Amino acid sequence: SILGAGSIALGSATLTHTGTTATSFAGTLSGTGGLLKQGTGTLTLSGNHGYTGTTRVTGGTLALSGTLASSTVEIAGGAFTLTGNERLANTAAVNVTSGSLTLGGTETVGTLALSGLLDGS
C-alpha cells in the first residue's frame, strides 16, 4: 500500500497496490515502470506522475486528481476515475475490457478501446 506524500522512483519495476481500504498518495511516481491497482479499496493519486509504463486497474478504484504520463492505461476490472480535465497524456492508449472509466471533464488520448462502461459529465 502507498499513502502520504514523497517521491517513488519506480525504475523499470511495476508497483502493485492491493489495498482494501481508501488511501491517498500526494507525491510523485517516476520512471519507466508502471502501476497495478488490485484489491477492493480506492487509491487516489494527486500530484504529477511522470512514470511512463502501463497503468493497469484490475480491482477497486484508481482515482486520479493529478496528472499521469503513463503511455498505456488498461482497465480490466475495477474502476478508473478522472476528476478533472486533461489528466492523461495526450498520446496514451486507453483500453477498457471490463470495469469502468469515468471522465471528470475533457480528455484527449491517442487511442480508446472500449468493452466496458464509459461515463462522464
PDB file of N, CA and C in Angstrom:
ATOM      1  N   SER A   1       0.835  -1.185   0.000  1.00  0.00           N
ATOM      2  CA  SER A   1       0.000   0.000   0.000  1.00  0.00           C
ATOM      3  C   SER A   1       0.877   1.244   0.000  1.00  0.00           C
ATOM      4  N   ILE A   2       0.489   2.228  -0.769  1.00  0.00           N
ATOM      5  CA  ILE A   2       1.190   3.510  -0.747  1.00  0.00           C
ATOM      6  C   ILE A   2       0.231   4.566  -0.218  1.00  0.00           C
ATOM      7  N   LEU A   3       0.768   5.476   0.574  1.00  0.00           N
ATOM      8  CA  LEU A   3      -0.043   6.566   1.082  1.00  0.00           C
ATOM      9  C   LEU A   3       0.863   7.692   1.524  1.00  0.00           C
ATOM     10  N   GLY A   4       0.277   8.865   1.686  1.00  0.00           N
ATOM     11  CA  GLY A   4       1.052  10.011   2.124  1.00  0.00           C
ATOM     12  C   GLY A   4       1.561  10.814   0.948  1.00  0.00           C
ATOM     13  N   ALA A   5       2.821  11.239   1.057  1.00  0.00           N
ATOM     14  CA  ALA A   5       3.445  12.053   0.024  1.00  0.00           C
ATOM     15  C   ALA A   5       4.875  11.586  -0.162  1.00  0.00           C
ATOM     16  N   GLY A   6       5.627  12.273  -0.989  1.00  0.00           N
ATOM     17  CA  GLY A   6       7.006  11.909  -1.252  1.00  0.00           C
ATOM     18  C   GLY A   6       7.190  11.512  -2.692  1.00  0.00           C
ATOM     19  N   SER A   7       8.346  10.976  -2.994  1.00  0.00           N
ATOM     20  CA  SER A   7       8.674  10.562  -4.362  1.00  0.00           C
ATOM     21  C   SER A   7       9.020   9.086  -4.366  1.00  0.00           C
ATOM     22  N   ILE A   8       8.492   8.380  -5.354  1.00  0.00           N
ATOM     23  CA  ILE A   8       8.814   6.968  -5.536  1.00  0.00           C
ATOM     24  C   ILE A   8       9.392   6.811  -6.929  1.00  0.00           C
ATOM     25  N   ALA A   9      10.642   6.375  -7.009  1.00  0.00           N
ATOM     26  CA  ALA A   9      11.307   6.112  -8.282  1.00  0.00           C
ATOM     27  C   ALA A   9      11.091   4.640  -8.623  1.00  0.00           C
ATOM     28  N   LEU A  10      10.264   4.384  -9.615  1.00  0.00           N
ATOM     29  CA  LEU A  10       9.926   3.017  -9.989  1.00  0.00           C
ATOM     30  C   LEU A  10      11.049   2.329 -10.761  1.00  0.00           C
ATOM     31  N   GLY A  11      11.901   3.112 -11.413  1.00  0.00           N
ATOM     32  CA  GLY A  11      12.841   2.497 -12.339  1.00  0.00           C
ATOM     33  C   GLY A  11      12.024   1.821 -13.421  1.00  0.00           C
ATOM     34  N   SER A  12      12.317   0.549 -13.705  1.00  0.00           N
ATOM     35  CA  SER A  12      11.540  -0.192 -14.696  1.00  0.00           C
ATOM     36  C   SER A  12      10.558  -1.167 -14.040  1.00  0.00           C
ATOM     37  N   ALA A  13      10.406  -1.100 -12.726  1.00  0.00           N
ATOM     38  CA  ALA A  13       9.535  -2.019 -11.975  1.00  0.00           C
ATOM     39  C   ALA A  13       8.069  -1.567 -12.017  1.00  0.00           C
ATOM     40  N   THR A  14       7.190  -2.501 -11.703  1.00  0.00           N
ATOM     41  CA  THR A  14       5.768  -2.199 -11.564  1.00  0.00           C
ATOM     42  C   THR A  14       5.415  -2.215 -10.086  1.00  0.00           C
ATOM     43  N   LEU A  15       4.810  -1.144  -9.619  1.00  0.00           N
ATOM     44  CA  LEU A  15       4.336  -1.043  -8.246  1.00  0.00           C
ATOM     45  C   LEU A  15       2.925  -1.611  -8.188  1.00  0.00           C
ATOM     46  N   THR A  16       2.687  -2.579  -7.286  1.00  0.00           N
ATOM     47  CA  THR A  16       1.370  -3.186  -7.139  1.00  0.00           C
ATOM     48  C   THR A  16       0.734  -2.707  -5.848  1.00  0.00           C
ATOM     49  N   HIS A  17      -0.486  -2.165  -5.965  1.00  0.00           N
ATOM     50  CA  HIS A  17      -1.250  -1.706  -4.801  1.00  0.00           C
ATOM     51  C   HIS A  17      -2.428  -2.659  -4.623  1.00  0.00           C
ATOM     52  N   THR A  18      -2.477  -3.358  -3.482  1.00  0.00           N
ATOM     53  CA  THR A  18      -3.521  -4.360  -3.245  1.00  0.00           C
ATOM     54  C   THR A  18      -4.432  -3.976  -2.087  1.00  0.00           C
ATOM     55  N   GLY A  19      -4.477  -2.704  -1.741  1.00  0.00           N
ATOM     56  CA  GLY A  19      -5.222  -2.249  -0.575  1.00  0.00           C
ATOM     57  C   GLY A  19      -6.709  -2.540  -0.625  1.00  0.00           C
ATOM     58  N   THR A  20      -7.287  -2.698   0.568  1.00  0.00           N
ATOM     59  CA  THR A  20      -8.728  -2.944   0.685  1.00  0.00           C
ATOM     60  C   THR A  20      -9.444  -1.763   1.345  1.00  0.00           C
ATOM     61  N   THR A  21      -8.702  -0.712   1.659  1.00  0.00           N
ATOM     62  CA  THR A  21      -9.295   0.496   2.237  1.00  0.00           C
ATOM     63  C   THR A  21      -8.931   1.685   1.353  1.00  0.00           C
ATOM     64  N   ALA A  22      -9.517   2.834   1.635  1.00  0.00           N
ATOM     65  CA  ALA A  22      -9.225   4.041   0.863  1.00  0.00           C
ATOM     66  C   ALA A  22      -7.907   4.653   1.324  1.00  0.00           C
ATOM     67  N   THR A  23      -7.003   4.900   0.369  1.00  0.00           N
ATOM     68  CA  THR A  23      -5.732   5.559   0.653  1.00  0.00           C
ATOM     69  C   THR A  23      -5.481   6.628  -0.399  1.00  0.00           C
ATOM     70  N   SER A  24      -4.644   7.606  -0.033  1.00  0.00           N
ATOM     71  CA  SER A  24      -4.295   8.682  -0.951  1.00  0.00           C
ATOM     72  C   SER A  24      -2.788   8.850  -0.995  1.00  0.00           C
ATOM     73  N   PHE A  25      -2.275   9.140  -2.191  1.00  0.00           N
ATOM     74  CA  PHE A  25      -0.864   9.410  -2.372  1.00  0.00           C
ATOM     75  C   PHE A  25      -0.730  10.739  -3.102  1.00  0.00           C
ATOM     76  N   ALA A  26      -0.102  11.714  -2.438  1.00  0.00           N
ATOM     77  CA  ALA A  26       0.025  13.066  -2.984  1.00  0.00           C
ATOM     78  C   ALA A  26       1.430  13.346  -3.492  1.00  0.00           C
ATOM     79  N   GLY A  27       2.234  12.335  -3.618  1.00  0.00           N
ATOM     80  CA  GLY A  27       3.601  12.512  -4.080  1.00  0.00           C
ATOM     81  C   GLY A  27       3.723  12.336  -5.575  1.00  0.00           C
ATOM     82  N   THR A  28       4.874  11.822  -6.003  1.00  0.00           N
ATOM     83  CA  THR A  28       5.107  11.580  -7.425  1.00  0.00           C
ATOM     84  C   THR A  28       5.666  10.178  -7.635  1.00  0.00           C
ATOM     85  N   LEU A  29       5.247   9.558  -8.723  1.00  0.00           N
ATOM     86  CA  LEU A  29       5.792   8.288  -9.188  1.00  0.00           C
ATOM     87  C   LEU A  29       6.544   8.589 -10.474  1.00  0.00           C
ATOM     88  N   SER A  30       7.774   8.083 -10.595  1.00  0.00           N
ATOM     89  CA  SER A  30       8.562   8.367 -11.791  1.00  0.00           C
ATOM     90  C   SER A  30       9.268   7.114 -12.275  1.00  0.00           C
ATOM     91  N   GLY A  31       9.754   7.144 -13.510  1.00  0.00           N
ATOM     92  CA  GLY A  31      10.485   6.036 -14.093  1.00  0.00           C
ATOM     93  C   GLY A  31       9.780   5.482 -15.310  1.00  0.00           C
ATOM     94  N   THR A  32      10.320   4.360 -15.802  1.00  0.00           N
ATOM     95  CA  THR A  32       9.729   3.700 -16.967  1.00  0.00           C
ATOM     96  C   THR A  32       8.806   2.562 -16.558  1.00  0.00           C
ATOM     97  N   GLY A  33       8.694   2.308 -15.265  1.00  0.00           N
ATOM     98  CA  GLY A  33       7.835   1.248 -14.745  1.00  0.00           C
ATOM     99  C   GLY A  33       6.378   1.637 -14.759  1.00  0.00           C
ATOM    100  N   GLY A  34       5.549   0.821 -14.092  1.00  0.00           N
ATOM    101  CA  GLY A  34       4.117   1.032 -14.123  1.00  0.00           C
ATOM    102  C   GLY A  34       3.471   0.866 -12.768  1.00  0.00           C
ATOM    103  N   LEU A  35       2.148   0.902 -12.779  1.00  0.00           N
ATOM    104  CA  LEU A  35       1.331   0.774 -11.572  1.00  0.00           C
ATOM    105  C   LEU A  35       0.230  -0.230 -11.829  1.00  0.00           C
ATOM    106  N   LEU A  36       0.058  -1.172 -10.903  1.00  0.00           N
ATOM    107  CA  LEU A  36      -1.025  -2.148 -10.953  1.00  0.00           C
ATOM    108  C   LEU A  36      -1.907  -1.931  -9.740  1.00  0.00           C
ATOM    109  N   LYS A  37      -3.184  -1.619  -9.946  1.00  0.00           N
ATOM    110  CA  LYS A  37      -4.150  -1.427  -8.858  1.00  0.00           C
ATOM    111  C   LYS A  37      -5.011  -2.670  -8.761  1.00  0.00           C
ATOM    112  N   GLN A  38      -4.878  -3.366  -7.617  1.00  0.00           N
ATOM    113  CA  GLN A  38      -5.674  -4.556  -7.315  1.00  0.00           C
ATOM    114  C   GLN A  38      -6.386  -4.316  -5.995  1.00  0.00           C
ATOM    115  N   GLY A  39      -7.127  -5.288  -5.503  1.00  0.00           N
ATOM    116  CA  GLY A  39      -7.804  -5.151  -4.219  1.00  0.00           C
ATOM    117  C   GLY A  39      -9.105  -4.381  -4.364  1.00  0.00           C
ATOM    118  N   THR A  40      -9.844  -4.278  -3.260  1.00  0.00           N
ATOM    119  CA  THR A  40     -11.172  -3.674  -3.310  1.00  0.00           C
ATOM    120  C   THR A  40     -11.199  -2.206  -2.911  1.00  0.00           C
ATOM    121  N   GLY A  41     -10.117  -1.687  -2.403  1.00  0.00           N
ATOM    122  CA  GLY A  41     -10.081  -0.311  -1.921  1.00  0.00           C
ATOM    123  C   GLY A  41      -9.921   0.712  -3.029  1.00  0.00           C
ATOM    124  N   THR A  42      -9.909   1.981  -2.620  1.00  0.00           N
ATOM    125  CA  THR A  42      -9.710   3.101  -3.537  1.00  0.00           C
ATOM    126  C   THR A  42      -8.334   3.703  -3.288  1.00  0.00           C
ATOM    127  N   LEU A  43      -7.571   3.902  -4.358  1.00  0.00           N
ATOM    128  CA  LEU A  43      -6.307   4.611  -4.305  1.00  0.00           C
ATOM    129  C   LEU A  43      -6.491   5.914  -5.060  1.00  0.00           C
ATOM    130  N   THR A  44      -6.307   7.034  -4.370  1.00  0.00           N
ATOM    131  CA  THR A  44      -6.401   8.344  -5.001  1.00  0.00           C
ATOM    132  C   THR A  44      -5.002   8.894  -5.202  1.00  0.00           C
ATOM    133  N   LEU A  45      -4.678   9.227  -6.449  1.00  0.00           N
ATOM    134  CA  LEU A  45      -3.385   9.809  -6.787  1.00  0.00           C
ATOM    135  C   LEU A  45      -3.577  11.282  -7.130  1.00  0.00           C
ATOM    136  N   SER A  46      -2.923  12.152  -6.375  1.00  0.00           N
ATOM    137  CA  SER A  46      -2.840  13.553  -6.769  1.00  0.00           C
ATOM    138  C   SER A  46      -1.388  13.825  -7.089  1.00  0.00           C
ATOM    139  N   GLY A  47      -1.060  14.981  -7.555  1.00  0.00           N
ATOM    140  CA  GLY A  47       0.310  15.267  -7.964  1.00  0.00           C
ATOM    141  C   GLY A  47       0.509  14.930  -9.427  1.00  0.00           C
ATOM    142  N   ASN A  48       1.690  15.216  -9.911  1.00  0.00           N
ATOM    143  CA  ASN A  48       2.035  14.980 -11.311  1.00  0.00           C
ATOM    144  C   ASN A  48       2.945  13.765 -11.400  1.00  0.00           C
ATOM    145  N   HIS A  49       2.426  12.688 -11.976  1.00  0.00           N
ATOM    146  CA  HIS A  49       3.134  11.413 -12.031  1.00  0.00           C
ATOM    147  C   HIS A  49       3.772  11.232 -13.395  1.00  0.00           C
ATOM    148  N   GLY A  50       5.090  11.168 -13.411  1.00  0.00           N
ATOM    149  CA  GLY A  50       5.839  11.130 -14.657  1.00  0.00           C
ATOM    150  C   GLY A  50       6.201   9.745 -15.146  1.00  0.00           C
ATOM    151  N   TYR A  51       5.764   8.687 -14.465  1.00  0.00           N
ATOM    152  CA  TYR A  51       6.139   7.348 -14.943  1.00  0.00           C
ATOM    153  C   TYR A  51       5.462   7.069 -16.277  1.00  0.00           C
ATOM    154  N   THR A  52       6.154   6.332 -17.124  1.00  0.00           N
ATOM    155  CA  THR A  52       5.684   6.146 -18.499  1.00  0.00           C
ATOM    156  C   THR A  52       5.229   4.733 -18.824  1.00  0.00           C
ATOM    157  N   GLY A  53       5.335   3.809 -17.874  1.00  0.00           N
ATOM    158  CA  GLY A  53       4.898   2.435 -18.102  1.00  0.00           C
ATOM    159  C   GLY A  53       3.390   2.311 -18.035  1.00  0.00           C
ATOM    160  N   THR A  54       2.916   1.090 -18.030  1.00  0.00           N
ATOM    161  CA  THR A  54       1.487   0.794 -18.050  1.00  0.00           C
ATOM    162  C   THR A  54       0.845   1.012 -16.688  1.00  0.00           C
ATOM    163  N   THR A  55      -0.339   1.609 -16.701  1.00  0.00           N
ATOM    164  CA  THR A  55      -1.203   1.693 -15.526  1.00  0.00           C
ATOM    165  C   THR A  55      -2.324   0.696 -15.758  1.00  0.00           C
ATOM    166  N   ARG A  56      -2.472  -0.276 -14.851  1.00  0.00           N
ATOM    167  CA  ARG A  56      -3.477  -1.334 -15.025  1.00  0.00           C
ATOM    168  C   ARG A  56      -4.345  -1.397 -13.779  1.00  0.00           C
ATOM    169  N   VAL A  57      -5.654  -1.379 -13.970  1.00  0.00           N
ATOM    170  CA  VAL A  57      -6.615  -1.491 -12.870  1.00  0.00           C
ATOM    171  C   VAL A  57      -7.366  -2.802 -13.034  1.00  0.00           C
ATOM    172  N   THR A  58      -7.244  -3.697 -12.023  1.00  0.00           N
ATOM    173  CA  THR A  58      -7.948  -4.982 -12.075  1.00  0.00           C
ATOM    174  C   THR A  58      -8.901  -5.155 -10.898  1.00  0.00           C
ATOM    175  N   GLY A  59      -8.907  -4.208  -9.969  1.00  0.00           N
ATOM    176  CA  GLY A  59      -9.804  -4.292  -8.826  1.00  0.00           C
ATOM    177  C   GLY A  59      -9.859  -2.966  -8.088  1.00  0.00           C
ATOM    178  N   GLY A  60     -10.957  -2.730  -7.404  1.00  0.00           N
ATOM    179  CA  GLY A  60     -11.121  -1.497  -6.647  1.00  0.00           C
ATOM    180  C   GLY A  60     -11.231  -0.296  -7.553  1.00  0.00           C
ATOM    181  N   THR A  61     -10.811   0.862  -7.038  1.00  0.00           N
ATOM    182  CA  THR A  61     -10.890   2.108  -7.798  1.00  0.00           C
ATOM    183  C   THR A  61      -9.553   2.828  -7.752  1.00  0.00           C
ATOM    184  N   LEU A  62      -9.107   3.273  -8.907  1.00  0.00           N
ATOM    185  CA  LEU A  62      -7.981   4.182  -9.008  1.00  0.00           C
ATOM    186  C   LEU A  62      -8.557   5.529  -9.401  1.00  0.00           C
ATOM    187  N   ALA A  63      -8.441   6.516  -8.500  1.00  0.00           N
ATOM    188  CA  ALA A  63      -8.955   7.861  -8.750  1.00  0.00           C
ATOM    189  C   ALA A  63      -7.780   8.790  -8.995  1.00  0.00           C
ATOM    190  N   LEU A  64      -7.807   9.512 -10.101  1.00  0.00           N
ATOM    191  CA  LEU A  64      -6.705  10.395 -10.458  1.00  0.00           C
ATOM    192  C   LEU A  64      -7.167  11.843 -10.407  1.00  0.00           C
ATOM    193  N   SER A  65      -6.581  12.593  -9.463  1.00  0.00           N
ATOM    194  CA  SER A  65      -6.863  14.025  -9.399  1.00  0.00           C
ATOM    195  C   SER A  65      -5.647  14.829  -9.818  1.00  0.00           C
ATOM    196  N   GLY A  66      -4.543  14.150 -10.093  1.00  0.00           N
ATOM    197  CA  GLY A  66      -3.336  14.778 -10.609  1.00  0.00           C
ATOM    198  C   GLY A  66      -3.215  14.487 -12.093  1.00  0.00           C
ATOM    199  N   THR A  67      -1.988  14.406 -12.589  1.00  0.00           N
ATOM    200  CA  THR A  67      -1.768  14.060 -13.995  1.00  0.00           C
ATOM    201  C   THR A  67      -0.932  12.796 -14.082  1.00  0.00           C
ATOM    202  N   LEU A  68      -1.017  12.132 -15.229  1.00  0.00           N
ATOM    203  CA  LEU A  68      -0.378  10.839 -15.427  1.00  0.00           C
ATOM    204  C   LEU A  68       0.256  10.788 -16.809  1.00  0.00           C
ATOM    205  N   ALA A  69       1.543  10.482 -16.864  1.00  0.00           N
ATOM    206  CA  ALA A  69       2.265  10.398 -18.135  1.00  0.00           C
ATOM    207  C   ALA A  69       2.270   8.983 -18.706  1.00  0.00           C
ATOM    208  N   SER A  70       1.634   8.053 -18.056  1.00  0.00           N
ATOM    209  CA  SER A  70       1.613   6.649 -18.459  1.00  0.00           C
ATOM    210  C   SER A  70       1.220   6.505 -19.932  1.00  0.00           C
ATOM    211  N   SER A  71       1.972   5.676 -20.678  1.00  0.00           N
ATOM    212  CA  SER A  71       1.716   5.509 -22.107  1.00  0.00           C
ATOM    213  C   SER A  71       0.513   4.611 -22.385  1.00  0.00           C
ATOM    214  N   THR A  72       0.201   3.713 -21.453  1.00  0.00           N
ATOM    215  CA  THR A  72      -0.906   2.781 -21.634  1.00  0.00           C
ATOM    216  C   THR A  72      -1.701   2.694 -20.340  1.00  0.00           C
ATOM    217  N   VAL A  73      -3.019   2.797 -20.456  1.00  0.00           N
ATOM    218  CA  VAL A  73      -3.915   2.628 -19.322  1.00  0.00           C
ATOM    219  C   VAL A  73      -4.861   1.489 -19.654  1.00  0.00           C
ATOM    220  N   GLU A  74      -4.864   0.448 -18.813  1.00  0.00           N
ATOM    221  CA  GLU A  74      -5.721  -0.717 -19.026  1.00  0.00           C
ATOM    222  C   GLU A  74      -6.676  -0.848 -17.844  1.00  0.00           C
ATOM    223  N   ILE A  75      -7.961  -0.896 -18.125  1.00  0.00           N
ATOM    224  CA  ILE A  75      -8.964  -1.148 -17.093  1.00  0.00           C
ATOM    225  C   ILE A  75      -9.530  -2.528 -17.389  1.00  0.00           C
ATOM    226  N   ALA A  76      -9.200  -3.487 -16.517  1.00  0.00           N
ATOM    227  CA  ALA A  76      -9.593  -4.881 -16.708  1.00  0.00           C
ATOM    228  C   ALA A  76     -10.274  -5.379 -15.439  1.00  0.00           C
ATOM    229  N   GLY A  77     -11.236  -4.600 -14.960  1.00  0.00           N
ATOM    230  CA  GLY A  77     -11.913  -4.859 -13.698  1.00  0.00           C
ATOM    231  C   GLY A  77     -11.722  -3.640 -12.819  1.00  0.00           C
ATOM    232  N   GLY A  78     -12.617  -3.394 -11.927  1.00  0.00           N
ATOM    233  CA  GLY A  78     -12.493  -2.208 -11.098  1.00  0.00           C
ATOM    234  C   GLY A  78     -12.878  -0.958 -11.853  1.00  0.00           C
ATOM    235  N   ALA A  79     -12.436   0.186 -11.333  1.00  0.00           N
ATOM    236  CA  ALA A  79     -12.828   1.464 -11.900  1.00  0.00           C
ATOM    237  C   ALA A  79     -11.640   2.419 -11.941  1.00  0.00           C
ATOM    238  N   PHE A  80     -11.606   3.237 -12.983  1.00  0.00           N
ATOM    239  CA  PHE A  80     -10.609   4.290 -13.117  1.00  0.00           C
ATOM    240  C   PHE A  80     -11.380   5.588 -13.263  1.00  0.00           C
ATOM    241  N   THR A  81     -11.163   6.509 -12.334  1.00  0.00           N
ATOM    242  CA  THR A  81     -11.919   7.755 -12.290  1.00  0.00           C
ATOM    243  C   THR A  81     -10.978   8.943 -12.444  1.00  0.00           C
ATOM    244  N   LEU A  82     -11.280   9.796 -13.400  1.00  0.00           N
ATOM    245  CA  LEU A  82     -10.521  11.028 -13.613  1.00  0.00           C
ATOM    246  C   LEU A  82     -11.361  12.171 -13.073  1.00  0.00           C
ATOM    247  N   THR A  83     -10.773  13.011 -12.224  1.00  0.00           N
ATOM    248  CA  THR A  83     -11.571  14.015 -11.520  1.00  0.00           C
ATOM    249  C   THR A  83     -11.553  15.393 -12.164  1.00  0.00           C
ATOM    250  N   GLY A  84     -10.957  15.534 -13.327  1.00  0.00           N
ATOM    251  CA  GLY A  84     -10.925  16.843 -13.978  1.00  0.00           C
ATOM    252  C   GLY A  84     -10.483  16.719 -15.417  1.00  0.00           C
ATOM    253  N   ASN A  85     -10.222  17.864 -16.051  1.00  0.00           N
ATOM    254  CA  ASN A  85      -9.804  17.920 -17.446  1.00  0.00           C
ATOM    255  C   ASN A  85      -8.352  17.505 -17.630  1.00  0.00           C
ATOM    256  N   GLU A  86      -8.096  16.845 -18.764  1.00  0.00           N
ATOM    257  CA  GLU A  86      -6.739  16.555 -19.236  1.00  0.00           C
ATOM    258  C   GLU A  86      -5.819  15.965 -18.178  1.00  0.00           C
ATOM    259  N   ARG A  87      -6.211  14.842 -17.622  1.00  0.00           N
ATOM    260  CA  ARG A  87      -5.418  14.151 -16.601  1.00  0.00           C
ATOM    261  C   ARG A  87      -4.402  13.179 -17.206  1.00  0.00           C
ATOM    262  N   LEU A  88      -4.683  12.670 -18.408  1.00  0.00           N
ATOM    263  CA  LEU A  88      -3.822  11.667 -19.035  1.00  0.00           C
ATOM    264  C   LEU A  88      -2.955  12.293 -20.118  1.00  0.00           C
ATOM    265  N   ALA A  89      -1.863  11.607 -20.445  1.00  0.00           N
ATOM    266  CA  ALA A  89      -1.017  12.040 -21.559  1.00  0.00           C
ATOM    267  C   ALA A  89      -1.831  12.001 -22.844  1.00  0.00           C
ATOM    268  N   ASN A  90      -1.667  12.996 -23.701  1.00  0.00           N
ATOM    269  CA  ASN A  90      -2.432  13.069 -24.952  1.00  0.00           C
ATOM    270  C   ASN A  90      -2.139  11.920 -25.901  1.00  0.00           C
ATOM    271  N   THR A  91      -1.043  11.208 -25.689  1.00  0.00           N
ATOM    272  CA  THR A  91      -0.669  10.086 -26.545  1.00  0.00           C
ATOM    273  C   THR A  91      -1.019   8.735 -25.914  1.00  0.00           C
ATOM    274  N   ALA A  92      -1.640   8.731 -24.750  1.00  0.00           N
ATOM    275  CA  ALA A  92      -1.936   7.485 -24.032  1.00  0.00           C
ATOM    276  C   ALA A  92      -2.899   6.596 -24.816  1.00  0.00           C
ATOM    277  N   ALA A  93      -2.664   5.301 -24.721  1.00  0.00           N
ATOM    278  CA  ALA A  93      -3.594   4.299 -25.250  1.00  0.00           C
ATOM    279  C   ALA A  93      -4.430   3.809 -24.075  1.00  0.00           C
ATOM    280  N   VAL A  94      -5.747   3.988 -24.142  1.00  0.00           N
ATOM    281  CA  VAL A  94      -6.646   3.597 -23.061  1.00  0.00           C
ATOM    282  C   VAL A  94      -7.482   2.427 -23.548  1.00  0.00           C
ATOM    283  N   ASN A  95      -7.466   1.331 -22.774  1.00  0.00           N
ATOM    284  CA  ASN A  95      -8.179   0.111 -23.151  1.00  0.00           C
ATOM    285  C   ASN A  95      -9.040  -0.335 -21.980  1.00  0.00           C
ATOM    286  N   VAL A  96     -10.363  -0.359 -22.168  1.00  0.00           N
ATOM    287  CA  VAL A  96     -11.305  -0.789 -21.135  1.00  0.00           C
ATOM    288  C   VAL A  96     -11.907  -2.113 -21.587  1.00  0.00           C
ATOM    289  N   THR A  97     -11.473  -3.222 -20.937  1.00  0.00           N
ATOM    290  CA  THR A  97     -12.016  -4.540 -21.298  1.00  0.00           C
ATOM    291  C   THR A  97     -13.114  -4.979 -20.351  1.00  0.00           C
ATOM    292  N   SER A  98     -13.058  -4.524 -19.109  1.00  0.00           N
ATOM    293  CA  SER A  98     -14.139  -4.730 -18.141  1.00  0.00           C
ATOM    294  C   SER A  98     -13.939  -3.688 -17.050  1.00  0.00           C
ATOM    295  N   GLY A  99     -14.936  -3.446 -16.262  1.00  0.00           N
ATOM    296  CA  GLY A  99     -14.840  -2.371 -15.290  1.00  0.00           C
ATOM    297  C   GLY A  99     -15.336  -1.077 -15.910  1.00  0.00           C
ATOM    298  N   SER A 100     -14.895   0.059 -15.364  1.00  0.00           N
ATOM    299  CA  SER A 100     -15.417   1.328 -15.859  1.00  0.00           C
ATOM    300  C   SER A 100     -14.365   2.427 -15.865  1.00  0.00           C
ATOM    301  N   LEU A 101     -14.561   3.361 -16.782  1.00  0.00           N
ATOM    302  CA  LEU A 101     -13.753   4.565 -16.894  1.00  0.00           C
ATOM    303  C   LEU A 101     -14.705   5.739 -16.749  1.00  0.00           C
ATOM    304  N   THR A 102     -14.459   6.597 -15.762  1.00  0.00           N
ATOM    305  CA  THR A 102     -15.298   7.776 -15.546  1.00  0.00           C
ATOM    306  C   THR A 102     -14.470   9.023 -15.796  1.00  0.00           C
ATOM    307  N   LEU A 103     -14.942   9.836 -16.721  1.00  0.00           N
ATOM    308  CA  LEU A 103     -14.254  11.072 -17.074  1.00  0.00           C
ATOM    309  C   LEU A 103     -14.834  12.219 -16.273  1.00  0.00           C
ATOM    310  N   GLY A 104     -13.969  13.077 -15.746  1.00  0.00           N
ATOM    311  CA  GLY A 104     -14.415  14.228 -14.977  1.00  0.00           C
ATOM    312  C   GLY A 104     -14.452  15.500 -15.801  1.00  0.00           C
ATOM    313  N   GLY A 105     -14.178  15.406 -17.083  1.00  0.00           N
ATOM    314  CA  GLY A 105     -14.160  16.568 -17.964  1.00  0.00           C
ATOM    315  C   GLY A 105     -13.596  16.172 -19.310  1.00  0.00           C
ATOM    316  N   THR A 106     -13.033  17.114 -20.026  1.00  0.00           N
ATOM    317  CA  THR A 106     -12.466  16.885 -21.346  1.00  0.00           C
ATOM    318  C   THR A 106     -11.159  16.107 -21.220  1.00  0.00           C
ATOM    319  N   GLU A 107     -10.989  15.116 -22.092  1.00  0.00           N
ATOM    320  CA  GLU A 107      -9.779  14.293 -22.061  1.00  0.00           C
ATOM    321  C   GLU A 107      -9.355  13.984 -23.486  1.00  0.00           C
ATOM    322  N   THR A 108      -8.082  14.139 -23.791  1.00  0.00           N
ATOM    323  CA  THR A 108      -7.518  13.804 -25.089  1.00  0.00           C
ATOM    324  C   THR A 108      -6.571  12.635 -24.899  1.00  0.00           C
ATOM    325  N   VAL A 109      -6.764  11.569 -25.680  1.00  0.00           N
ATOM    326  CA  VAL A 109      -5.866  10.415 -25.635  1.00  0.00           C
ATOM    327  C   VAL A 109      -5.530   9.999 -27.058  1.00  0.00           C
ATOM    328  N   GLY A 110      -4.487   9.196 -27.198  1.00  0.00           N
ATOM    329  CA  GLY A 110      -4.084   8.715 -28.514  1.00  0.00           C
ATOM    330  C   GLY A 110      -5.083   7.734 -29.092  1.00  0.00           C
ATOM    331  N   THR A 111      -5.457   6.689 -28.296  1.00  0.00           N
ATOM    332  CA  THR A 111      -6.449   5.708 -28.725  1.00  0.00           C
ATOM    333  C   THR A 111      -7.335   5.338 -27.544  1.00  0.00           C
ATOM    334  N   LEU A 112      -8.558   4.931 -27.855  1.00  0.00           N
ATOM    335  CA  LEU A 112      -9.514   4.495 -26.841  1.00  0.00           C
ATOM    336  C   LEU A 112     -10.220   3.265 -27.363  1.00  0.00           C
ATOM    337  N   ALA A 113     -10.115   2.148 -26.632  1.00  0.00           N
ATOM    338  CA  ALA A 113     -10.788   0.902 -26.986  1.00  0.00           C
ATOM    339  C   ALA A 113     -11.713   0.551 -25.824  1.00  0.00           C
ATOM    340  N   LEU A 114     -13.002   0.323 -26.122  1.00  0.00           N
ATOM    341  CA  LEU A 114     -13.984   0.091 -25.078  1.00  0.00           C
ATOM    342  C   LEU A 114     -14.683  -1.252 -25.211  1.00  0.00           C
ATOM    343  N   SER A 115     -14.749  -1.966 -24.098  1.00  0.00           N
ATOM    344  CA  SER A 115     -15.615  -3.123 -23.955  1.00  0.00           C
ATOM    345  C   SER A 115     -16.456  -2.951 -22.696  1.00  0.00           C
ATOM    346  N   GLY A 116     -16.062  -2.011 -21.854  1.00  0.00           N
ATOM    347  CA  GLY A 116     -16.743  -1.749 -20.581  1.00  0.00           C
ATOM    348  C   GLY A 116     -17.602  -0.510 -20.655  1.00  0.00           C
ATOM    349  N   LEU A 117     -17.827   0.111 -19.497  1.00  0.00           N
ATOM    350  CA  LEU A 117     -18.703   1.261 -19.342  1.00  0.00           C
ATOM    351  C   LEU A 117     -17.911   2.554 -19.384  1.00  0.00           C
ATOM    352  N   LEU A 118     -18.328   3.500 -20.213  1.00  0.00           N
ATOM    353  CA  LEU A 118     -17.750   4.840 -20.255  1.00  0.00           C
ATOM    354  C   LEU A 118     -18.792   5.803 -19.709  1.00  0.00           C
ATOM    355  N   ASP A 119     -18.401   6.587 -18.710  1.00  0.00           N
ATOM    356  CA  ASP A 119     -19.332   7.515 -18.065  1.00  0.00           C
ATOM    357  C   ASP A 119     -18.631   8.849 -17.907  1.00  0.00           C
ATOM    358  N   GLY A 120     -19.365   9.915 -17.910  1.00  0.00           N
ATOM    359  CA  GLY A 120     -18.757  11.222 -17.709  1.00  0.00           C
ATOM    360  C   GLY A 120     -19.775  12.324 -17.675  1.00  0.00           C
ATOM    361  N   SER A 121     -19.280  13.524 -17.407  1.00  0.00           N
ATOM    362  CA  SER A 121     -20.178  14.677 -17.361  1.00  0.00           C
ATOM    363  C   SER A 121     -19.667  15.752 -18.302  1.00  0.00           C
TER     364      SER A 121
END
